Amino acid sequence: MQHSPAALRAMARAVRALSLQPDLALIDGRDVPDGLICPARPIIGGDALSMSIAAASIIAKTTRDALMRNLARDFAQYGSLTTPAMRRRRIDGRSRLPVHAPTTGAPSGSPRRLYKRAGLGKLRPG
């Protein structure tokens, strides 16, 4: 998996935001973000080779799905937002959701603020 520059910056920012500094970051893919505060090990196909990466992938996806379900509930005019194809199809050509940054269309704000705005409260999958 190749990560976009924005995804790499988000990874480094997420690691810096942890309350404890990790000894090692396992990364699913070949790219390691610049500015990471700990050593990293990229693992191509990591979700099939590492239980830690597989678990993190499940948590990330279920959390994203909960976020999208709550946004779909609050912004019913966009229809279902539960799959990437539906998100692209429903949002393309329409005004942005309030959680989108005004210039890039990417979600804006800290993860905690996004979760709060989406009604998820704590950083846990719903």
N, C-alpha and C. Protein backbone atom coordinates (compact mmCIF):
# COMPACT_ATOMS: atom_id res chain seq x y z
N MET A 1 0.84 -1.17 0.00
CA MET A 1 0.00 0.00 0.00
C MET A 1 0.89 1.24 0.00
N GLN A 2 0.58 2.17 -0.87
CA GLN A 2 1.31 3.43 -0.90
C GLN A 2 0.46 4.49 -0.21
N HIS A 3 1.05 5.19 0.71
CA HIS A 3 0.32 6.21 1.47
C HIS A 3 0.53 7.57 0.85
N SER A 4 -0.51 8.39 0.84
CA SER A 4 -0.39 9.76 0.34
C SER A 4 0.42 10.59 1.33
N PRO A 5 0.98 11.72 0.87
CA PRO A 5 1.70 12.59 1.80
C PRO A 5 0.83 13.03 2.98
N ALA A 6 -0.46 13.27 2.73
CA ALA A 6 -1.35 13.67 3.82
C ALA A 6 -1.53 12.54 4.82
N ALA A 7 -1.64 11.30 4.34
CA ALA A 7 -1.78 10.15 5.23
C ALA A 7 -0.52 9.96 6.06
N LEU A 8 0.65 10.16 5.45
CA LEU A 8 1.91 10.04 6.20
C LEU A 8 2.01 11.11 7.28
N ARG A 9 1.62 12.34 6.95
CA ARG A 9 1.63 13.40 7.97
C ARG A 9 0.66 13.08 9.10
N ALA A 10 -0.50 12.53 8.74
CA ALA A 10 -1.50 12.16 9.76
C ALA A 10 -0.97 11.05 10.66
N MET A 11 -0.23 10.09 10.09
CA MET A 11 0.36 9.02 10.91
C MET A 11 1.32 9.61 11.93
N ALA A 12 2.21 10.47 11.47
CA ALA A 12 3.19 11.07 12.38
C ALA A 12 2.49 11.89 13.46
N ARG A 13 1.46 12.63 13.05
CA ARG A 13 0.71 13.45 14.02
C ARG A 13 -0.01 12.57 15.04
N ALA A 14 -0.57 11.45 14.59
CA ALA A 14 -1.27 10.54 15.50
C ALA A 14 -0.31 9.93 16.52
N VAL A 15 0.88 9.56 16.07
CA VAL A 15 1.86 8.99 17.00
C VAL A 15 2.30 10.04 18.01
N ARG A 16 2.51 11.28 17.56
CA ARG A 16 2.90 12.36 18.49
C ARG A 16 1.81 12.62 19.52
N ALA A 17 0.55 12.37 19.16
CA ALA A 17 -0.57 12.66 20.06
C ALA A 17 -0.80 11.57 21.11
N LEU A 18 -0.12 10.45 20.99
CA LEU A 18 -0.28 9.38 21.98
C LEU A 18 0.20 9.83 23.35
N SER A 19 -0.44 9.32 24.39
CA SER A 19 -0.03 9.70 25.74
C SER A 19 1.29 9.02 26.13
N LEU A 20 1.61 7.90 25.50
CA LEU A 20 2.88 7.22 25.73
C LEU A 20 3.64 7.15 24.41
N GLN A 21 4.94 7.27 24.47
CA GLN A 21 5.73 7.14 23.26
C GLN A 21 5.96 5.66 22.96
N PRO A 22 5.59 5.21 21.77
CA PRO A 22 5.78 3.80 21.45
C PRO A 22 7.26 3.46 21.25
N ASP A 23 7.59 2.20 21.47
CA ASP A 23 8.95 1.73 21.20
C ASP A 23 9.17 1.51 19.71
N LEU A 24 8.08 1.18 19.00
CA LEU A 24 8.17 0.86 17.59
C LEU A 24 6.81 1.07 16.94
N ALA A 25 6.80 1.63 15.74
CA ALA A 25 5.56 1.76 14.97
C ALA A 25 5.59 0.74 13.84
N LEU A 26 4.60 -0.12 13.80
CA LEU A 26 4.44 -1.06 12.70
C LEU A 26 3.54 -0.40 11.67
N ILE A 27 4.00 -0.33 10.43
CA ILE A 27 3.26 0.38 9.39
C ILE A 27 2.88 -0.59 8.29
N ASP A 28 1.60 -0.62 7.97
CA ASP A 28 1.10 -1.46 6.89
C ASP A 28 1.41 -0.78 5.56
N GLY A 29 2.48 -1.22 4.91
CA GLY A 29 2.90 -0.63 3.65
C GLY A 29 4.39 -0.40 3.65
N ARG A 30 4.85 0.32 2.64
CA ARG A 30 6.30 0.51 2.48
C ARG A 30 6.79 1.88 2.92
N ASP A 31 5.89 2.82 3.13
CA ASP A 31 6.28 4.20 3.44
C ASP A 31 6.29 4.46 4.93
N VAL A 32 7.36 5.10 5.39
CA VAL A 32 7.48 5.53 6.78
C VAL A 32 7.42 7.05 6.79
N PRO A 33 6.55 7.63 7.60
CA PRO A 33 6.43 9.09 7.61
C PRO A 33 7.67 9.77 8.17
N ASP A 34 8.00 10.93 7.62
CA ASP A 34 9.04 11.77 8.20
C ASP A 34 8.54 12.32 9.53
N GLY A 35 9.46 12.57 10.43
CA GLY A 35 9.10 13.20 11.70
C GLY A 35 8.48 12.26 12.71
N LEU A 36 8.55 10.96 12.46
CA LEU A 36 8.02 10.01 13.43
C LEU A 36 8.90 10.06 14.68
N ILE A 37 8.29 9.99 15.86
CA ILE A 37 9.05 10.14 17.11
C ILE A 37 9.58 8.82 17.64
N CYS A 38 9.45 7.75 16.86
CA CYS A 38 9.94 6.44 17.29
C CYS A 38 10.42 5.67 16.05
N PRO A 39 11.18 4.63 16.26
CA PRO A 39 11.56 3.79 15.11
C PRO A 39 10.30 3.19 14.49
N ALA A 40 10.39 2.86 13.19
CA ALA A 40 9.25 2.28 12.50
C ALA A 40 9.69 1.11 11.64
N ARG A 41 8.78 0.18 11.46
CA ARG A 41 9.03 -0.96 10.60
C ARG A 41 7.90 -1.06 9.58
N PRO A 42 8.18 -0.73 8.32
CA PRO A 42 7.14 -0.91 7.30
C PRO A 42 7.00 -2.38 6.94
N ILE A 43 5.76 -2.84 6.81
CA ILE A 43 5.50 -4.24 6.48
C ILE A 43 4.49 -4.27 5.34
N ILE A 44 4.95 -4.63 4.15
CA ILE A 44 4.04 -4.73 3.01
C ILE A 44 3.11 -5.90 3.26
N GLY A 45 1.81 -5.65 3.13
CA GLY A 45 0.82 -6.69 3.46
C GLY A 45 0.73 -6.93 4.94
N GLY A 46 0.99 -5.90 5.72
CA GLY A 46 1.08 -6.02 7.18
C GLY A 46 -0.15 -6.56 7.85
N ASP A 47 -1.34 -6.26 7.31
CA ASP A 47 -2.55 -6.75 7.98
C ASP A 47 -2.68 -8.27 7.88
N ALA A 48 -1.97 -8.89 6.94
CA ALA A 48 -1.96 -10.35 6.84
C ALA A 48 -0.80 -10.98 7.61
N LEU A 49 0.20 -10.16 7.96
CA LEU A 49 1.41 -10.69 8.59
C LEU A 49 1.57 -10.33 10.06
N SER A 50 0.83 -9.34 10.52
CA SER A 50 0.98 -8.86 11.89
C SER A 50 -0.38 -8.76 12.56
N MET A 51 -0.54 -9.44 13.69
CA MET A 51 -1.80 -9.36 14.43
C MET A 51 -2.05 -7.93 14.92
N SER A 52 -0.99 -7.21 15.27
CA SER A 52 -1.15 -5.83 15.73
C SER A 52 -1.69 -4.94 14.62
N ILE A 53 -1.13 -5.09 13.42
CA ILE A 53 -1.61 -4.28 12.29
C ILE A 53 -3.03 -4.69 11.93
N ALA A 54 -3.32 -5.99 11.92
CA ALA A 54 -4.68 -6.46 11.61
C ALA A 54 -5.69 -5.90 12.61
N ALA A 55 -5.35 -5.92 13.90
CA ALA A 55 -6.25 -5.39 14.93
C ALA A 55 -6.45 -3.89 14.75
N ALA A 56 -5.36 -3.16 14.48
CA ALA A 56 -5.48 -1.72 14.26
C ALA A 56 -6.33 -1.42 13.04
N SER A 57 -6.21 -2.23 12.01
CA SER A 57 -7.01 -2.05 10.80
C SER A 57 -8.50 -2.24 11.09
N ILE A 58 -8.83 -3.25 11.87
CA ILE A 58 -10.23 -3.49 12.23
C ILE A 58 -10.77 -2.33 13.06
N ILE A 59 -9.99 -1.87 14.03
CA ILE A 59 -10.43 -0.75 14.87
C ILE A 59 -10.63 0.50 14.01
N ALA A 60 -9.69 0.78 13.12
CA ALA A 60 -9.80 1.97 12.27
C ALA A 60 -11.04 1.89 11.38
N LYS A 61 -11.28 0.74 10.80
CA LYS A 61 -12.41 0.61 9.87
C LYS A 61 -13.75 0.65 10.60
N THR A 62 -13.85 0.00 11.75
CA THR A 62 -15.12 0.05 12.47
C THR A 62 -15.37 1.44 13.03
N THR A 63 -14.31 2.13 13.43
CA THR A 63 -14.47 3.51 13.91
C THR A 63 -14.91 4.42 12.77
N ARG A 64 -14.26 4.27 11.60
CA ARG A 64 -14.66 5.06 10.43
C ARG A 64 -16.12 4.79 10.08
N ASP A 65 -16.52 3.52 10.09
CA ASP A 65 -17.89 3.18 9.74
C ASP A 65 -18.89 3.79 10.73
N ALA A 66 -18.54 3.79 12.03
CA ALA A 66 -19.41 4.41 13.03
C ALA A 66 -19.50 5.91 12.80
N LEU A 67 -18.37 6.53 12.49
CA LEU A 67 -18.36 7.96 12.19
C LEU A 67 -19.26 8.25 11.00
N MET A 68 -19.14 7.46 9.94
CA MET A 68 -19.93 7.70 8.74
C MET A 68 -21.41 7.43 8.98
N ARG A 69 -21.75 6.41 9.77
CA ARG A 69 -23.16 6.17 10.10
C ARG A 69 -23.75 7.37 10.83
N ASN A 70 -23.01 7.91 11.79
CA ASN A 70 -23.51 9.06 12.54
C ASN A 70 -23.62 10.29 11.66
N LEU A 71 -22.64 10.50 10.77
CA LEU A 71 -22.74 11.63 9.85
C LEU A 71 -23.92 11.45 8.89
N ALA A 72 -24.14 10.23 8.41
CA ALA A 72 -25.27 9.97 7.52
C ALA A 72 -26.59 10.23 8.24
N ARG A 73 -26.65 9.91 9.52
CA ARG A 73 -27.86 10.19 10.30
C ARG A 73 -28.09 11.69 10.41
N ASP A 74 -27.02 12.44 10.68
CA ASP A 74 -27.15 13.87 10.88
C ASP A 74 -27.29 14.66 9.58
N PHE A 75 -26.83 14.07 8.48
CA PHE A 75 -26.89 14.74 7.18
C PHE A 75 -27.57 13.80 6.19
N ALA A 76 -28.84 13.51 6.46
CA ALA A 76 -29.59 12.53 5.67
C ALA A 76 -29.68 12.90 4.19
N GLN A 77 -29.54 14.18 3.87
CA GLN A 77 -29.62 14.61 2.47
C GLN A 77 -28.52 14.00 1.61
N TYR A 78 -27.46 13.47 2.23
CA TYR A 78 -26.38 12.85 1.49
C TYR A 78 -26.62 11.36 1.29
N GLY A 79 -27.65 10.81 1.89
CA GLY A 79 -27.90 9.38 1.76
C GLY A 79 -26.88 8.57 2.54
N SER A 80 -26.77 7.31 2.19
CA SER A 80 -25.84 6.43 2.89
C SER A 80 -24.40 6.84 2.63
N LEU A 81 -23.59 6.86 3.68
CA LEU A 81 -22.18 7.21 3.58
C LEU A 81 -21.32 6.08 4.13
N THR A 82 -21.83 4.85 4.04
CA THR A 82 -21.16 3.76 4.73
C THR A 82 -20.08 3.06 3.91
N THR A 83 -19.96 3.32 2.62
CA THR A 83 -18.88 2.74 1.83
C THR A 83 -18.17 3.85 1.08
N PRO A 84 -16.90 3.66 0.72
CA PRO A 84 -16.18 4.71 -0.01
C PRO A 84 -16.89 5.13 -1.29
N ALA A 85 -17.41 4.16 -2.04
CA ALA A 85 -18.10 4.51 -3.29
C ALA A 85 -19.32 5.37 -3.02
N MET A 86 -20.08 5.03 -1.98
CA MET A 86 -21.27 5.82 -1.64
C MET A 86 -20.86 7.21 -1.16
N ARG A 87 -19.77 7.30 -0.38
CA ARG A 87 -19.32 8.61 0.08
C ARG A 87 -18.96 9.49 -1.11
N ARG A 88 -18.21 8.95 -2.08
CA ARG A 88 -17.83 9.75 -3.25
C ARG A 88 -19.06 10.13 -4.05
N ARG A 89 -19.94 9.18 -4.29
CA ARG A 89 -21.11 9.42 -5.12
C ARG A 89 -22.05 10.43 -4.46
N ARG A 90 -22.24 10.33 -3.16
CA ARG A 90 -23.20 11.19 -2.48
C ARG A 90 -22.68 12.61 -2.27
N ILE A 91 -21.37 12.75 -2.06
CA ILE A 91 -20.82 14.06 -1.71
C ILE A 91 -20.38 14.83 -2.95
N ASP A 92 -19.93 14.14 -4.01
CA ASP A 92 -19.50 14.83 -5.23
C ASP A 92 -20.61 15.73 -5.74
N GLY A 93 -20.27 16.97 -6.00
CA GLY A 93 -21.23 17.91 -6.55
C GLY A 93 -22.17 18.53 -5.54
N ARG A 94 -22.07 18.18 -4.30
CA ARG A 94 -22.92 18.77 -3.27
C ARG A 94 -22.06 19.60 -2.33
N SER A 95 -22.72 20.38 -1.52
CA SER A 95 -21.94 21.17 -0.57
C SER A 95 -21.25 20.24 0.41
N ARG A 96 -20.15 20.71 0.96
CA ARG A 96 -19.38 19.88 1.89
C ARG A 96 -20.09 19.75 3.22
N LEU A 97 -19.78 18.65 3.88
CA LEU A 97 -20.29 18.49 5.23
C LEU A 97 -19.55 19.45 6.16
N PRO A 98 -20.13 19.84 7.27
CA PRO A 98 -19.46 20.76 8.20
C PRO A 98 -18.13 20.23 8.74
N VAL A 99 -17.89 18.93 8.68
CA VAL A 99 -16.62 18.41 9.18
C VAL A 99 -15.51 18.49 8.15
N HIS A 100 -15.80 18.96 6.93
CA HIS A 100 -14.78 19.07 5.90
C HIS A 100 -14.07 20.41 5.99
N ALA A 101 -12.76 20.39 5.72
CA ALA A 101 -11.99 21.62 5.67
C ALA A 101 -12.48 22.45 4.49
N PRO A 102 -12.49 23.79 4.60
CA PRO A 102 -13.04 24.62 3.54
C PRO A 102 -12.28 24.53 2.22
N THR A 103 -10.99 24.24 2.22
CA THR A 103 -10.23 24.25 0.97
C THR A 103 -9.96 22.87 0.40
N THR A 104 -9.71 21.88 1.24
CA THR A 104 -9.29 20.58 0.72
C THR A 104 -10.40 19.56 0.65
N GLY A 105 -11.45 19.74 1.42
CA GLY A 105 -12.49 18.73 1.46
C GLY A 105 -12.17 17.60 2.43
N ALA A 106 -10.98 17.64 3.00
CA ALA A 106 -10.61 16.62 3.98
C ALA A 106 -11.24 16.97 5.32
N PRO A 107 -11.47 15.97 6.17
CA PRO A 107 -11.99 16.29 7.49
C PRO A 107 -11.07 17.28 8.21
N SER A 108 -11.66 18.25 8.86
CA SER A 108 -10.86 19.27 9.54
C SER A 108 -10.94 19.09 11.04
N GLY A 109 -9.92 19.56 11.73
CA GLY A 109 -9.92 19.53 13.18
C GLY A 109 -9.24 18.29 13.72
N SER A 110 -9.12 18.27 15.01
CA SER A 110 -8.47 17.13 15.66
C SER A 110 -9.41 15.93 15.61
N PRO A 111 -8.86 14.72 15.72
CA PRO A 111 -9.75 13.55 15.76
C PRO A 111 -10.78 13.64 16.86
N ARG A 112 -10.40 14.16 18.03
CA ARG A 112 -11.37 14.26 19.13
C ARG A 112 -12.52 15.18 18.75
N ARG A 113 -12.21 16.32 18.10
CA ARG A 113 -13.29 17.22 17.69
C ARG A 113 -14.17 16.58 16.63
N LEU A 114 -13.58 15.85 15.68
CA LEU A 114 -14.38 15.17 14.66
C LEU A 114 -15.31 14.14 15.30
N TYR A 115 -14.80 13.36 16.25
CA TYR A 115 -15.63 12.37 16.91
C TYR A 115 -16.75 13.04 17.67
N LYS A 116 -16.45 14.14 18.33
CA LYS A 116 -17.48 14.84 19.09
C LYS A 116 -18.56 15.37 18.15
N ARG A 117 -18.12 15.99 17.03
CA ARG A 117 -19.08 16.51 16.06
C ARG A 117 -19.94 15.41 15.45
N ALA A 118 -19.35 14.23 15.30
CA ALA A 118 -20.10 13.12 14.71
C ALA A 118 -20.90 12.34 15.75
N GLY A 119 -20.85 12.77 17.00
CA GLY A 119 -21.64 12.14 18.05
C GLY A 119 -21.05 10.85 18.58
N LEU A 120 -19.74 10.64 18.39
CA LEU A 120 -19.13 9.40 18.87
C LEU A 120 -18.56 9.53 20.25
N GLY A 121 -18.38 10.76 20.74
CA GLY A 121 -17.84 10.94 22.08
C GLY A 121 -16.39 10.54 22.16
N LYS A 122 -16.09 9.46 22.86
CA LYS A 122 -14.70 9.03 23.05
C LYS A 122 -14.18 8.36 21.78
N LEU A 123 -12.86 8.27 21.71
CA LEU A 123 -12.21 7.67 20.56
C LEU A 123 -12.32 6.15 20.62
N ARG A 124 -13.51 5.65 20.41
CA ARG A 124 -13.77 4.21 20.41
C ARG A 124 -14.76 3.91 19.30
N PRO A 125 -14.66 2.75 18.68
CA PRO A 125 -15.66 2.38 17.69
C PRO A 125 -17.03 2.24 18.35
N GLY A 126 -18.07 2.59 17.62
CA GLY A 126 -19.41 2.51 18.16
C GLY A 126 -19.94 1.18 18.02
